[in-house]
Amino acid sequence: MRMKTIIGGMIAVVLFVGGYFGYKGYNWFIYNSGGYEIDSVEELYQNLVFKDTIHIKTQPTTEYLKFQNFNVKNVVQKFERPDDLNDMENFSKYVLYDDDRKMIASFWIGVSESNVERFQTDEVMEDFPVGITNKDMIAFFKKHKITNDIELFEYLSQQKIKKDHLFTSVKQMKENYIIRNILSSAIPSIDSLTKIEGDKIGYILNMQDKVKQVSILEQDKCYILTFFGLDYFDDATIQDILNSIVIEEA
């Protein structure tokens, strides 16, 4: 009888250990397959820091360029609107050419959901490979007190990209997975971030190839200006445009 008890106990231990590692192994596979390589995410992560700040002081102008409820100083009088660059409902694009039809600069204006809003919708969750729902994302943002994109970037910049192993808790695996996917889905390849403060708040993605993308955060929306050709759109010109911004109630 004692031997049977011992054998029974050993079987129970084996089943428990096997079940535990089977469960952990299954979750490790779920949260580490079909996602993103650590090295590629770390490259994005390294530049995800607000290195400087600019201040907006609203100064009304006489002539506006209007897109939906988004108004900025009209700086595109000499620009063209190529038909093949204006097939998106939420953006309008303008291009300035020289006499040889070579692009000098381009200016894009648009309105979209903020990243925080976008990541809490079912449609975006379809882009995540496995295992995450919009309820998971809502809980993630609530847990870390993230209410807008600036807070999201500040949170992400403080995180260390971690590799999961079998002794990582399933809860932590899931959170690591969310962080990796947000980084890969929300952040393009950038050189640095600039924070916008003052009469408007937002941020600038200082991108490669002489491109800056400005995002103004208001009314749960992201009001976006993208500047291609920073020899034409220098810092003073961009500052002047940002000071002109007027956002009407949607």
Protein backbone atom coordinates (compact mmCIF):
# COMPACT_ATOMS: atom_id res chain seq x y z
CA MET A 1 0.00 0.00 0.00
CA ARG A 2 2.83 2.39 0.89
CA MET A 3 4.61 1.62 -2.38
CA LYS A 4 1.42 2.37 -4.31
CA THR A 5 1.11 5.66 -2.44
CA ILE A 6 4.69 6.59 -3.29
CA ILE A 7 4.24 5.64 -6.93
CA GLY A 8 0.98 7.53 -7.06
CA GLY A 9 2.68 10.60 -5.57
CA MET A 10 5.53 10.38 -8.07
CA ILE A 11 3.09 10.13 -10.97
CA ALA A 12 1.21 13.17 -9.65
CA VAL A 13 4.46 15.15 -9.41
CA VAL A 14 5.47 14.13 -12.94
CA LEU A 15 2.05 15.08 -14.28
CA PHE A 16 2.15 18.39 -12.45
CA VAL A 17 5.66 19.27 -13.65
CA GLY A 18 4.89 18.09 -17.16
CA GLY A 19 1.65 20.03 -17.21
CA TYR A 20 3.36 23.15 -15.86
CA PHE A 21 6.14 23.14 -18.42
CA GLY A 22 3.72 22.13 -21.14
CA TYR A 23 1.55 25.13 -20.29
CA LYS A 24 4.56 27.46 -20.12
CA GLY A 25 5.97 26.05 -23.35
CA TYR A 26 2.66 26.52 -25.13
CA ASN A 27 2.45 30.15 -24.03
CA TRP A 28 6.09 30.76 -24.89
CA PHE A 29 5.32 29.52 -28.41
CA ILE A 30 2.18 31.68 -28.65
CA TYR A 31 3.90 34.89 -27.53
CA ASN A 32 7.18 34.34 -29.38
CA SER A 33 6.04 33.08 -32.78
CA GLY A 34 4.64 35.14 -35.59
CA GLY A 35 5.75 38.33 -33.87
CA TYR A 36 8.90 40.39 -34.19
CA GLU A 37 12.57 39.66 -33.69
CA ILE A 38 14.10 41.19 -30.57
CA ASP A 39 16.97 42.78 -32.53
CA SER A 40 14.65 44.60 -34.95
CA VAL A 41 12.53 45.93 -32.07
CA GLU A 42 15.60 47.10 -30.12
CA GLU A 43 16.67 49.22 -33.09
CA LEU A 44 13.35 51.09 -32.86
CA TYR A 45 13.56 51.27 -29.08
CA GLN A 46 16.97 52.95 -28.96
CA ASN A 47 15.76 56.20 -30.55
CA LEU A 48 12.44 56.32 -28.71
CA VAL A 49 13.47 59.21 -26.45
CA PHE A 50 12.34 62.83 -26.42
CA LYS A 51 15.66 64.57 -27.03
CA ASP A 52 14.31 68.10 -27.27
CA THR A 53 11.15 70.18 -26.93
CA ILE A 54 9.53 72.94 -28.98
CA HIS A 55 6.75 75.29 -27.85
CA ILE A 56 3.70 76.32 -29.86
CA LYS A 57 2.28 79.82 -29.40
CA THR A 58 -0.87 80.10 -31.51
CA GLN A 59 -0.70 83.06 -33.90
CA PRO A 60 -3.65 83.39 -36.32
CA THR A 61 -2.81 83.87 -39.98
CA THR A 62 -4.74 85.42 -42.85
CA GLU A 63 -4.88 82.46 -45.24
CA TYR A 64 -5.49 78.88 -44.12
CA LEU A 65 -5.20 75.49 -45.69
CA LYS A 66 -8.15 73.46 -44.40
CA PHE A 67 -8.45 69.70 -44.09
CA GLN A 68 -11.60 68.49 -42.30
CA ASN A 69 -11.51 70.46 -39.02
CA PHE A 70 -7.74 70.98 -39.22
CA ASN A 71 -6.47 74.41 -40.29
CA VAL A 72 -2.87 75.50 -40.90
CA LYS A 73 -1.14 78.36 -42.66
CA ASN A 74 -1.36 77.86 -46.41
CA VAL A 75 2.20 77.23 -47.56
CA VAL A 76 1.34 75.22 -50.67
CA GLN A 77 0.21 77.89 -53.14
CA LYS A 78 2.96 76.79 -55.55
CA PHE A 79 2.50 73.07 -54.87
CA GLU A 80 0.60 70.54 -56.97
CA ARG A 81 -1.81 67.85 -55.81
CA PRO A 82 -0.95 64.73 -57.83
CA ASP A 83 -4.03 62.59 -58.30
CA ASP A 84 -2.13 59.39 -57.50
CA LEU A 85 -1.09 60.87 -54.14
CA ASN A 86 -4.58 61.86 -53.04
CA ASP A 87 -6.50 58.61 -52.98
CA MET A 88 -6.67 58.33 -49.17
CA GLU A 89 -9.67 59.72 -47.32
CA ASN A 90 -7.73 60.87 -44.27
CA PHE A 91 -4.78 62.57 -45.98
CA SER A 92 -4.12 65.16 -48.62
CA LYS A 93 -0.71 65.51 -50.26
CA TYR A 94 1.05 68.34 -52.08
CA VAL A 95 4.28 68.33 -54.09
CA LEU A 96 6.56 71.16 -55.23
CA TYR A 97 8.59 70.48 -58.38
CA ASP A 98 11.43 72.34 -60.04
CA ASP A 99 11.48 73.15 -63.76
CA ASP A 100 12.73 69.64 -64.55
CA ARG A 101 9.88 68.04 -62.58
CA LYS A 102 12.22 66.97 -59.83
CA MET A 103 10.63 67.08 -56.39
CA ILE A 104 11.86 69.93 -54.19
CA ALA A 105 9.52 69.33 -51.25
CA SER A 106 6.26 67.68 -50.29
CA PHE A 107 3.66 68.51 -47.65
CA TRP A 108 1.07 66.07 -46.32
CA ILE A 109 -1.83 66.97 -44.04
CA GLY A 110 -4.18 64.50 -42.41
CA VAL A 111 -6.27 63.37 -39.46
CA SER A 112 -6.29 59.94 -37.87
CA GLU A 113 -6.85 58.19 -34.58
CA SER A 114 -4.06 58.42 -32.06
CA ASN A 115 -2.03 55.28 -31.47
CA VAL A 116 -3.61 54.81 -28.03
CA GLU A 117 -7.10 54.98 -29.53
CA ARG A 118 -6.15 52.79 -32.50
CA PHE A 119 -4.66 50.03 -30.37
CA GLN A 120 -7.94 49.62 -28.49
CA THR A 121 -10.00 48.65 -31.54
CA ASP A 122 -10.80 45.16 -32.82
CA GLU A 123 -9.54 46.02 -36.30
CA VAL A 124 -6.00 46.65 -35.10
CA MET A 125 -5.96 43.47 -33.05
CA GLU A 126 -6.38 41.54 -36.29
CA ASP A 127 -2.88 42.76 -37.22
CA PHE A 128 -1.37 41.28 -34.06
CA PRO A 129 -0.31 37.71 -34.90
CA VAL A 130 -1.92 35.91 -31.93
CA GLY A 131 -3.37 36.06 -28.50
CA ILE A 132 -4.25 39.75 -27.90
CA THR A 133 -7.68 41.37 -27.83
CA ASN A 134 -8.78 44.97 -27.58
CA LYS A 135 -9.76 44.26 -23.97
CA ASP A 136 -6.15 43.26 -23.29
CA MET A 137 -4.96 46.55 -24.75
CA ILE A 138 -7.49 48.59 -22.76
CA ALA A 139 -6.30 46.84 -19.59
CA PHE A 140 -2.63 47.41 -20.56
CA PHE A 141 -3.11 51.17 -21.02
CA LYS A 142 -5.15 51.44 -17.83
CA LYS A 143 -2.56 49.52 -15.80
CA HIS A 144 0.27 51.81 -16.92
CA LYS A 145 -1.83 55.01 -16.80
CA ILE A 146 -1.32 55.70 -20.51
CA THR A 147 -3.89 58.13 -21.89
CA ASN A 148 -2.17 59.57 -24.97
CA ASP A 149 0.66 58.89 -27.40
CA ILE A 150 3.21 61.01 -25.52
CA GLU A 151 2.65 58.97 -22.37
CA LEU A 152 2.85 55.80 -24.48
CA PHE A 153 6.24 56.76 -25.92
CA GLU A 154 7.55 57.81 -22.52
CA TYR A 155 6.46 54.47 -21.05
CA LEU A 156 7.98 52.46 -23.91
CA SER A 157 11.29 54.34 -23.67
CA GLN A 158 11.63 53.21 -20.05
CA GLN A 159 11.14 49.53 -20.83
CA LYS A 160 13.91 47.04 -21.49
CA ILE A 161 13.17 44.69 -24.35
CA LYS A 162 13.23 41.27 -22.72
CA LYS A 163 13.63 37.78 -24.09
CA ASP A 164 11.13 35.29 -22.72
CA HIS A 165 12.11 31.90 -21.32
CA LEU A 166 10.22 29.06 -19.65
CA PHE A 167 10.58 30.67 -16.23
CA THR A 168 9.05 33.96 -17.39
CA SER A 169 5.52 34.23 -16.05
CA VAL A 170 2.76 33.95 -18.65
CA LYS A 171 1.54 37.38 -17.56
CA GLN A 172 4.95 38.87 -18.29
CA MET A 173 5.21 37.02 -21.61
CA LYS A 174 1.94 38.60 -22.67
CA GLU A 175 3.05 42.08 -21.62
CA ASN A 176 6.41 41.70 -23.38
CA TYR A 177 4.53 40.62 -26.48
CA ILE A 178 2.26 43.67 -26.35
CA ILE A 179 5.25 46.01 -25.97
CA ARG A 180 7.11 44.43 -28.90
CA ASN A 181 4.06 44.67 -31.15
CA ILE A 182 3.29 48.27 -30.20
CA LEU A 183 6.88 49.25 -30.98
CA SER A 184 6.82 47.52 -34.33
CA SER A 185 3.33 48.75 -35.28
CA ALA A 186 3.47 52.35 -34.06
CA ILE A 187 7.06 53.46 -34.52
CA PRO A 188 8.75 53.77 -37.92
CA SER A 189 12.51 53.99 -38.22
CA ILE A 190 13.40 57.36 -36.66
CA ASP A 191 16.48 59.30 -35.60
CA SER A 192 14.81 60.93 -32.59
CA LEU A 193 11.62 62.33 -31.05
CA THR A 194 10.76 65.95 -30.29
CA LYS A 195 8.05 66.84 -27.78
CA ILE A 196 5.59 69.64 -28.55
CA GLU A 197 4.27 71.76 -25.67
CA GLY A 198 2.46 75.06 -25.29
CA ASP A 199 -0.91 75.95 -26.82
CA LYS A 200 -0.88 72.50 -28.48
CA ILE A 201 0.66 69.23 -27.41
CA GLY A 202 2.12 66.50 -29.56
CA TYR A 203 5.37 65.17 -30.92
CA ILE A 204 7.60 65.11 -33.97
CA LEU A 205 9.08 61.97 -35.50
CA ASN A 206 12.46 63.05 -36.85
CA MET A 207 12.80 60.50 -39.60
CA GLN A 208 15.52 59.59 -42.03
CA ASP A 209 15.88 61.06 -45.55
CA LYS A 210 15.05 64.61 -44.45
CA VAL A 211 11.50 63.93 -43.27
CA LYS A 212 9.66 65.20 -40.19
CA GLN A 213 6.20 64.00 -39.18
CA VAL A 214 4.34 66.22 -36.74
CA SER A 215 1.43 64.84 -34.71
CA ILE A 216 -0.79 67.19 -32.71
CA LEU A 217 -2.94 65.41 -30.12
CA GLU A 218 -6.42 66.78 -29.54
CA GLN A 219 -9.98 65.45 -29.17
CA ASP A 220 -8.69 61.83 -29.16
CA LYS A 221 -7.36 62.44 -32.66
CA CYS A 222 -3.95 62.81 -34.21
CA TYR A 223 -3.61 65.85 -36.50
CA ILE A 224 -0.67 65.10 -38.75
CA LEU A 225 1.67 67.23 -40.85
CA THR A 226 4.49 65.55 -42.75
CA PHE A 227 7.33 67.54 -44.27
CA PHE A 228 9.55 66.09 -47.00
CA GLY A 229 12.59 68.14 -47.95
CA LEU A 230 13.94 69.90 -44.90
CA ASP A 231 16.09 72.26 -46.95
CA TYR A 232 12.79 73.84 -48.03
CA PHE A 233 10.87 73.22 -44.78
CA ASP A 234 13.54 74.36 -42.34
CA ASP A 235 12.96 74.54 -38.58
CA ALA A 236 11.83 78.18 -38.65
CA THR A 237 9.29 77.49 -41.41
CA ILE A 238 7.92 74.45 -39.58
CA GLN A 239 7.67 76.42 -36.33
CA ASP A 240 5.73 79.16 -38.15
CA ILE A 241 3.31 76.58 -39.56
CA LEU A 242 2.79 74.93 -36.16
CA ASN A 243 2.07 78.31 -34.55
CA SER A 244 -0.75 78.81 -37.07
CA ILE A 245 -2.66 75.60 -36.21
CA VAL A 246 -6.37 75.95 -35.47
CA ILE A 247 -8.44 72.83 -34.75
CA GLU A 248 -12.19 73.32 -34.82
CA GLU A 249 -14.55 71.19 -32.78
CA ALA A 250 -15.27 68.01 -34.71
